[in-house]
């Protein structure tokens, strides 16, 4: 996400504290936040794909997702 969008998220947060947001600003804030969260998640997933666990014998194994557990 570019710096301009992050600055706009912060600006909307300040405006919300100072005077509240209009309906259009509220929608804009929600869209920008969703975009930020989606990019953050994508970056975390990309990082985790590159994680390797070193075994006792020295070999490297890729990180595997946990099996779904019953709740």
PDB file of N, CA and C in Angstrom:
ATOM      1  N   UNK A   1       0.854  -1.169   0.000  1.00  0.00           N
ATOM      2  CA  UNK A   1       0.000   0.000   0.000  1.00  0.00           C
ATOM      3  C   UNK A   1       0.899   1.231   0.000  1.00  0.00           C
ATOM      4  N   UNK A   2       0.557   2.181  -0.824  1.00  0.00           N
ATOM      5  CA  UNK A   2       1.417   3.357  -0.933  1.00  0.00           C
ATOM      6  C   UNK A   2       1.218   4.307   0.257  1.00  0.00           C
ATOM      7  N   UNK A   3       2.192   5.158   0.438  1.00  0.00           N
ATOM      8  CA  UNK A   3       2.207   6.066   1.582  1.00  0.00           C
ATOM      9  C   UNK A   3       1.000   6.994   1.584  1.00  0.00           C
ATOM     10  N   UNK A   4       0.540   7.401   0.420  1.00  0.00           N
ATOM     11  CA  UNK A   4      -0.611   8.295   0.323  1.00  0.00           C
ATOM     12  C   UNK A   4      -1.867   7.685   0.931  1.00  0.00           C
ATOM     13  N   UNK A   5      -2.075   6.403   0.687  1.00  0.00           N
ATOM     14  CA  UNK A   5      -3.252   5.729   1.246  1.00  0.00           C
ATOM     15  C   UNK A   5      -3.141   5.569   2.757  1.00  0.00           C
ATOM     16  N   UNK A   6      -1.946   5.259   3.227  1.00  0.00           N
ATOM     17  CA  UNK A   6      -1.741   5.133   4.678  1.00  0.00           C
ATOM     18  C   UNK A   6      -1.942   6.488   5.348  1.00  0.00           C
ATOM     19  N   UNK A   7      -1.445   7.545   4.716  1.00  0.00           N
ATOM     20  CA  UNK A   7      -1.666   8.890   5.252  1.00  0.00           C
ATOM     21  C   UNK A   7      -3.157   9.218   5.304  1.00  0.00           C
ATOM     22  N   UNK A   8      -3.895   8.794   4.285  1.00  0.00           N
ATOM     23  CA  UNK A   8      -5.344   9.052   4.262  1.00  0.00           C
ATOM     24  C   UNK A   8      -6.047   8.272   5.377  1.00  0.00           C
ATOM     25  N   UNK A   9      -5.648   7.046   5.632  1.00  0.00           N
ATOM     26  CA  UNK A   9      -6.219   6.266   6.742  1.00  0.00           C
ATOM     27  C   UNK A   9      -6.000   7.013   8.046  1.00  0.00           C
ATOM     28  N   UNK A  10      -4.789   7.515   8.248  1.00  0.00           N
ATOM     29  CA  UNK A  10      -4.481   8.250   9.479  1.00  0.00           C
ATOM     30  C   UNK A  10      -5.252   9.559   9.563  1.00  0.00           C
ATOM     31  N   UNK A  11      -5.399  10.236   8.444  1.00  0.00           N
ATOM     32  CA  UNK A  11      -6.155  11.489   8.421  1.00  0.00           C
ATOM     33  C   UNK A  11      -7.620  11.241   8.794  1.00  0.00           C
ATOM     34  N   UNK A  12      -8.202  10.181   8.238  1.00  0.00           N
ATOM     35  CA  UNK A  12      -9.592   9.850   8.563  1.00  0.00           C
ATOM     36  C   UNK A  12      -9.746   9.472  10.035  1.00  0.00           C
ATOM     37  N   UNK A  13      -8.758   8.803  10.589  1.00  0.00           N
ATOM     38  CA  UNK A  13      -8.806   8.448  12.014  1.00  0.00           C
ATOM     39  C   UNK A  13      -8.798   9.712  12.873  1.00  0.00           C
ATOM     40  N   UNK A  14      -7.959  10.691  12.504  1.00  0.00           N
ATOM     41  CA  UNK A  14      -7.922  11.953  13.254  1.00  0.00           C
ATOM     42  C   UNK A  14      -9.241  12.703  13.137  1.00  0.00           C
ATOM     43  N   UNK A  15      -9.790  12.745  11.914  1.00  0.00           N
ATOM     44  CA  UNK A  15     -11.056  13.434  11.710  1.00  0.00           C
ATOM     45  C   UNK A  15     -12.177  12.789  12.519  1.00  0.00           C
ATOM     46  N   UNK A  16     -12.147  11.475  12.599  1.00  0.00           N
ATOM     47  CA  UNK A  16     -13.177  10.762  13.353  1.00  0.00           C
ATOM     48  C   UNK A  16     -13.153  11.173  14.819  1.00  0.00           C
ATOM     49  N   UNK A  17     -11.948  11.346  15.375  1.00  0.00           N
ATOM     50  CA  UNK A  17     -11.824  11.766  16.768  1.00  0.00           C
ATOM     51  C   UNK A  17     -12.250  13.213  16.953  1.00  0.00           C
ATOM     52  N   UNK A  18     -11.916  14.075  15.981  1.00  0.00           N
ATOM     53  CA  UNK A  18     -12.173  15.500  16.115  1.00  0.00           C
ATOM     54  C   UNK A  18     -13.636  15.868  15.902  1.00  0.00           C
ATOM     55  N   UNK A  19     -14.236  15.387  14.802  1.00  0.00           N
ATOM     56  CA  UNK A  19     -15.568  15.861  14.461  1.00  0.00           C
ATOM     57  C   UNK A  19     -16.526  14.770  13.997  1.00  0.00           C
ATOM     58  N   UNK A  20     -16.030  13.572  13.867  1.00  0.00           N
ATOM     59  CA  UNK A  20     -16.855  12.512  13.301  1.00  0.00           C
ATOM     60  C   UNK A  20     -16.694  12.499  11.793  1.00  0.00           C
ATOM     61  N   UNK A  21     -17.149  11.436  11.165  1.00  0.00           N
ATOM     62  CA  UNK A  21     -16.997  11.278   9.714  1.00  0.00           C
ATOM     63  C   UNK A  21     -18.351  11.327   9.020  1.00  0.00           C
ATOM     64  N   UNK A  22     -18.335  11.820   7.778  1.00  0.00           N
ATOM     65  CA  UNK A  22     -19.537  11.759   6.955  1.00  0.00           C
ATOM     66  C   UNK A  22     -19.719  10.314   6.492  1.00  0.00           C
ATOM     67  N   UNK A  23     -20.857  10.036   5.899  1.00  0.00           N
ATOM     68  CA  UNK A  23     -21.113   8.682   5.398  1.00  0.00           C
ATOM     69  C   UNK A  23     -20.089   8.291   4.332  1.00  0.00           C
ATOM     70  N   UNK A  24     -19.766   9.233   3.449  1.00  0.00           N
ATOM     71  CA  UNK A  24     -18.772   8.938   2.403  1.00  0.00           C
ATOM     72  C   UNK A  24     -17.402   8.674   3.006  1.00  0.00           C
ATOM     73  N   UNK A  25     -17.017   9.450   3.999  1.00  0.00           N
ATOM     74  CA  UNK A  25     -15.725   9.248   4.648  1.00  0.00           C
ATOM     75  C   UNK A  25     -15.682   7.922   5.398  1.00  0.00           C
ATOM     76  N   UNK A  26     -16.789   7.545   6.004  1.00  0.00           N
ATOM     77  CA  UNK A  26     -16.863   6.263   6.716  1.00  0.00           C
ATOM     78  C   UNK A  26     -16.672   5.103   5.741  1.00  0.00           C
ATOM     79  N   UNK A  27     -17.320   5.194   4.582  1.00  0.00           N
ATOM     80  CA  UNK A  27     -17.165   4.142   3.557  1.00  0.00           C
ATOM     81  C   UNK A  27     -15.724   4.103   3.040  1.00  0.00           C
ATOM     82  N   UNK A  28     -15.158   5.280   2.801  1.00  0.00           N
ATOM     83  CA  UNK A  28     -13.778   5.351   2.328  1.00  0.00           C
ATOM     84  C   UNK A  28     -12.826   4.733   3.346  1.00  0.00           C
ATOM     85  N   UNK A  29     -13.047   5.044   4.618  1.00  0.00           N
ATOM     86  CA  UNK A  29     -12.197   4.509   5.681  1.00  0.00           C
ATOM     87  C   UNK A  29     -12.298   2.980   5.723  1.00  0.00           C
ATOM     88  N   UNK A  30     -13.504   2.458   5.608  1.00  0.00           N
ATOM     89  CA  UNK A  30     -13.693   1.003   5.642  1.00  0.00           C
ATOM     90  C   UNK A  30     -12.978   0.338   4.462  1.00  0.00           C
ATOM     91  N   UNK A  31     -13.083   0.931   3.274  1.00  0.00           N
ATOM     92  CA  UNK A  31     -12.425   0.358   2.095  1.00  0.00           C
ATOM     93  C   UNK A  31     -10.907   0.390   2.238  1.00  0.00           C
ATOM     94  N   UNK A  32     -10.373   1.513   2.708  1.00  0.00           N
ATOM     95  CA  UNK A  32      -8.925   1.620   2.877  1.00  0.00           C
ATOM     96  C   UNK A  32      -8.418   0.648   3.936  1.00  0.00           C
ATOM     97  N   UNK A  33      -9.159   0.518   5.021  1.00  0.00           N
ATOM     98  CA  UNK A  33      -8.745  -0.422   6.073  1.00  0.00           C
ATOM     99  C   UNK A  33      -8.759  -1.847   5.559  1.00  0.00           C
ATOM    100  N   UNK A  34      -9.800  -2.221   4.801  1.00  0.00           N
ATOM    101  CA  UNK A  34      -9.897  -3.584   4.256  1.00  0.00           C
ATOM    102  C   UNK A  34      -8.724  -3.841   3.316  1.00  0.00           C
ATOM    103  N   UNK A  35      -8.394  -2.864   2.468  1.00  0.00           N
ATOM    104  CA  UNK A  35      -7.268  -3.013   1.554  1.00  0.00           C
ATOM    105  C   UNK A  35      -5.963  -3.200   2.330  1.00  0.00           C
ATOM    106  N   UNK A  36      -5.781  -2.417   3.389  1.00  0.00           N
ATOM    107  CA  UNK A  36      -4.577  -2.515   4.212  1.00  0.00           C
ATOM    108  C   UNK A  36      -4.479  -3.898   4.864  1.00  0.00           C
ATOM    109  N   UNK A  37      -5.573  -4.362   5.439  1.00  0.00           N
ATOM    110  CA  UNK A  37      -5.585  -5.666   6.112  1.00  0.00           C
ATOM    111  C   UNK A  37      -5.314  -6.793   5.115  1.00  0.00           C
ATOM    112  N   UNK A  38      -5.931  -6.719   3.936  1.00  0.00           N
ATOM    113  CA  UNK A  38      -5.715  -7.759   2.917  1.00  0.00           C
ATOM    114  C   UNK A  38      -4.248  -7.818   2.481  1.00  0.00           C
ATOM    115  N   UNK A  39      -3.629  -6.645   2.287  1.00  0.00           N
ATOM    116  CA  UNK A  39      -2.213  -6.622   1.909  1.00  0.00           C
ATOM    117  C   UNK A  39      -1.328  -7.136   3.044  1.00  0.00           C
ATOM    118  N   UNK A  40      -1.676  -6.790   4.276  1.00  0.00           N
ATOM    119  CA  UNK A  40      -0.917  -7.261   5.431  1.00  0.00           C
ATOM    120  C   UNK A  40      -0.969  -8.790   5.504  1.00  0.00           C
ATOM    121  N   UNK A  41      -2.160  -9.350   5.349  1.00  0.00           N
ATOM    122  CA  UNK A  41      -2.316 -10.811   5.388  1.00  0.00           C
ATOM    123  C   UNK A  41      -1.517 -11.479   4.267  1.00  0.00           C
ATOM    124  N   UNK A  42      -1.553 -10.898   3.080  1.00  0.00           N
ATOM    125  CA  UNK A  42      -0.811 -11.467   1.953  1.00  0.00           C
ATOM    126  C   UNK A  42       0.686 -11.470   2.249  1.00  0.00           C
ATOM    127  N   UNK A  43       1.175 -10.408   2.864  1.00  0.00           N
ATOM    128  CA  UNK A  43       2.598 -10.343   3.213  1.00  0.00           C
ATOM    129  C   UNK A  43       2.958 -11.394   4.263  1.00  0.00           C
ATOM    130  N   UNK A  44       2.093 -11.593   5.242  1.00  0.00           N
ATOM    131  CA  UNK A  44       2.355 -12.616   6.265  1.00  0.00           C
ATOM    132  C   UNK A  44       2.379 -14.002   5.633  1.00  0.00           C
ATOM    133  N   UNK A  45       1.420 -14.282   4.764  1.00  0.00           N
ATOM    134  CA  UNK A  45       1.379 -15.592   4.106  1.00  0.00           C
ATOM    135  C   UNK A  45       2.627 -15.813   3.254  1.00  0.00           C
ATOM    136  N   UNK A  46       3.066 -14.780   2.540  1.00  0.00           N
ATOM    137  CA  UNK A  46       4.274 -14.903   1.717  1.00  0.00           C
ATOM    138  C   UNK A  46       5.491 -15.174   2.590  1.00  0.00           C
ATOM    139  N   UNK A  47       5.570 -14.518   3.726  1.00  0.00           N
ATOM    140  CA  UNK A  47       6.689 -14.741   4.649  1.00  0.00           C
ATOM    141  C   UNK A  47       6.664 -16.171   5.181  1.00  0.00           C
ATOM    142  N   UNK A  48       5.497 -16.637   5.589  1.00  0.00           N
ATOM    143  CA  UNK A  48       5.393 -17.983   6.144  1.00  0.00           C
ATOM    144  C   UNK A  48       5.709 -19.065   5.116  1.00  0.00           C
ATOM    145  N   UNK A  49       5.439 -18.795   3.838  1.00  0.00           N
ATOM    146  CA  UNK A  49       5.782 -19.766   2.798  1.00  0.00           C
ATOM    147  C   UNK A  49       7.286 -19.983   2.711  1.00  0.00           C
ATOM    148  N   UNK A  50       8.069 -18.991   3.128  1.00  0.00           N
ATOM    149  CA  UNK A  50       9.525 -19.091   3.039  1.00  0.00           C
ATOM    150  C   UNK A  50      10.177 -19.571   4.330  1.00  0.00           C
ATOM    151  N   UNK A  51       9.394 -19.853   5.353  1.00  0.00           N
ATOM    152  CA  UNK A  51       9.945 -20.316   6.629  1.00  0.00           C
ATOM    153  C   UNK A  51      10.305 -21.795   6.504  1.00  0.00           C
ATOM    154  N   UNK A  52      11.471 -22.137   6.981  1.00  0.00           N
ATOM    155  CA  UNK A  52      11.931 -23.529   6.983  1.00  0.00           C
ATOM    156  C   UNK A  52      12.310 -23.903   8.405  1.00  0.00           C
ATOM    157  N   UNK A  53      11.985 -25.121   8.802  1.00  0.00           N
ATOM    158  CA  UNK A  53      12.296 -25.634  10.131  1.00  0.00           C
ATOM    159  C   UNK A  53      13.478 -26.598   9.995  1.00  0.00           C
ATOM    160  N   UNK A  54      14.521 -26.336  10.768  1.00  0.00           N
ATOM    161  CA  UNK A  54      15.685 -27.225  10.718  1.00  0.00           C
ATOM    162  C   UNK A  54      15.439 -28.411  11.651  1.00  0.00           C
ATOM    163  N   UNK A  55      15.543 -29.592  11.092  1.00  0.00           N
ATOM    164  CA  UNK A  55      15.348 -30.821  11.846  1.00  0.00           C
ATOM    165  C   UNK A  55      16.634 -31.168  12.594  1.00  0.00           C
ATOM    166  N   UNK A  56      16.551 -32.144  13.495  1.00  0.00           N
ATOM    167  CA  UNK A  56      17.725 -32.550  14.273  1.00  0.00           C
ATOM    168  C   UNK A  56      18.855 -33.064  13.393  1.00  0.00           C
ATOM    169  N   UNK A  57      18.496 -33.661  12.252  1.00  0.00           N
ATOM    170  CA  UNK A  57      19.535 -34.187  11.361  1.00  0.00           C
ATOM    171  C   UNK A  57      20.114 -33.104  10.436  1.00  0.00           C
ATOM    172  N   UNK A  58      19.639 -31.864  10.566  1.00  0.00           N
ATOM    173  CA  UNK A  58      20.170 -30.753   9.790  1.00  0.00           C
ATOM    174  C   UNK A  58      19.394 -30.425   8.529  1.00  0.00           C
ATOM    175  N   UNK A  59      18.423 -31.270   8.172  1.00  0.00           N
ATOM    176  CA  UNK A  59      17.636 -30.985   6.972  1.00  0.00           C
ATOM    177  C   UNK A  59      16.627 -29.873   7.269  1.00  0.00           C
ATOM    178  N   UNK A  60      16.244 -29.206   6.209  1.00  0.00           N
ATOM    179  CA  UNK A  60      15.258 -28.126   6.338  1.00  0.00           C
ATOM    180  C   UNK A  60      13.925 -28.578   5.776  1.00  0.00           C
ATOM    181  N   UNK A  61      12.896 -28.400   6.549  1.00  0.00           N
ATOM    182  CA  UNK A  61      11.541 -28.772   6.132  1.00  0.00           C
ATOM    183  C   UNK A  61      10.690 -27.508   6.043  1.00  0.00           C
ATOM    184  N   UNK A  62       9.849 -27.395   5.004  1.00  0.00           N
ATOM    185  CA  UNK A  62       8.968 -26.227   4.929  1.00  0.00           C
ATOM    186  C   UNK A  62       7.938 -26.264   6.063  1.00  0.00           C
ATOM    187  N   UNK A  63       7.511 -25.101   6.466  1.00  0.00           N
ATOM    188  CA  UNK A  63       6.479 -24.979   7.490  1.00  0.00           C
ATOM    189  C   UNK A  63       5.175 -25.483   6.904  1.00  0.00           C
ATOM    190  N   UNK A  64       4.504 -26.381   7.616  1.00  0.00           N
ATOM    191  CA  UNK A  64       3.237 -26.935   7.144  1.00  0.00           C
ATOM    192  C   UNK A  64       2.093 -26.348   7.947  1.00  0.00           C
ATOM    193  N   UNK A  65       0.942 -26.139   7.303  1.00  0.00           N
ATOM    194  CA  UNK A  65      -0.212 -25.648   8.056  1.00  0.00           C
ATOM    195  C   UNK A  65      -0.699 -26.705   9.039  1.00  0.00           C
ATOM    196  N   UNK A  66      -1.252 -26.244  10.155  1.00  0.00           N
ATOM    197  CA  UNK A  66      -1.807 -27.176  11.125  1.00  0.00           C
ATOM    198  C   UNK A  66      -3.021 -27.868  10.543  1.00  0.00           C
ATOM    199  N   UNK A  67      -3.229 -29.080  10.976  1.00  0.00           N
ATOM    200  CA  UNK A  67      -4.430 -29.805  10.588  1.00  0.00           C
ATOM    201  C   UNK A  67      -5.615 -29.144  11.276  1.00  0.00           C
ATOM    202  N   UNK A  68      -6.770 -29.169  10.616  1.00  0.00           N
ATOM    203  CA  UNK A  68      -7.967 -28.621  11.263  1.00  0.00           C
ATOM    204  C   UNK A  68      -8.304 -29.440  12.486  1.00  0.00           C
ATOM    205  N   UNK A  69      -8.475 -28.747  13.596  1.00  0.00           N
ATOM    206  CA  UNK A  69      -8.803 -29.449  14.837  1.00  0.00           C
ATOM    207  C   UNK A  69     -10.290 -29.305  15.126  1.00  0.00           C
ATOM    208  N   UNK A  70     -10.851 -30.338  15.737  1.00  0.00           N
ATOM    209  CA  UNK A  70     -12.236 -30.238  16.161  1.00  0.00           C
ATOM    210  C   UNK A  70     -12.321 -29.287  17.329  1.00  0.00           C
ATOM    211  N   UNK A  71     -13.356 -28.503  17.351  1.00  0.00           N
ATOM    212  CA  UNK A  71     -13.511 -27.520  18.434  1.00  0.00           C
ATOM    213  C   UNK A  71     -14.437 -27.997  19.496  1.00  0.00           C
TER     214      UNK A  71
END
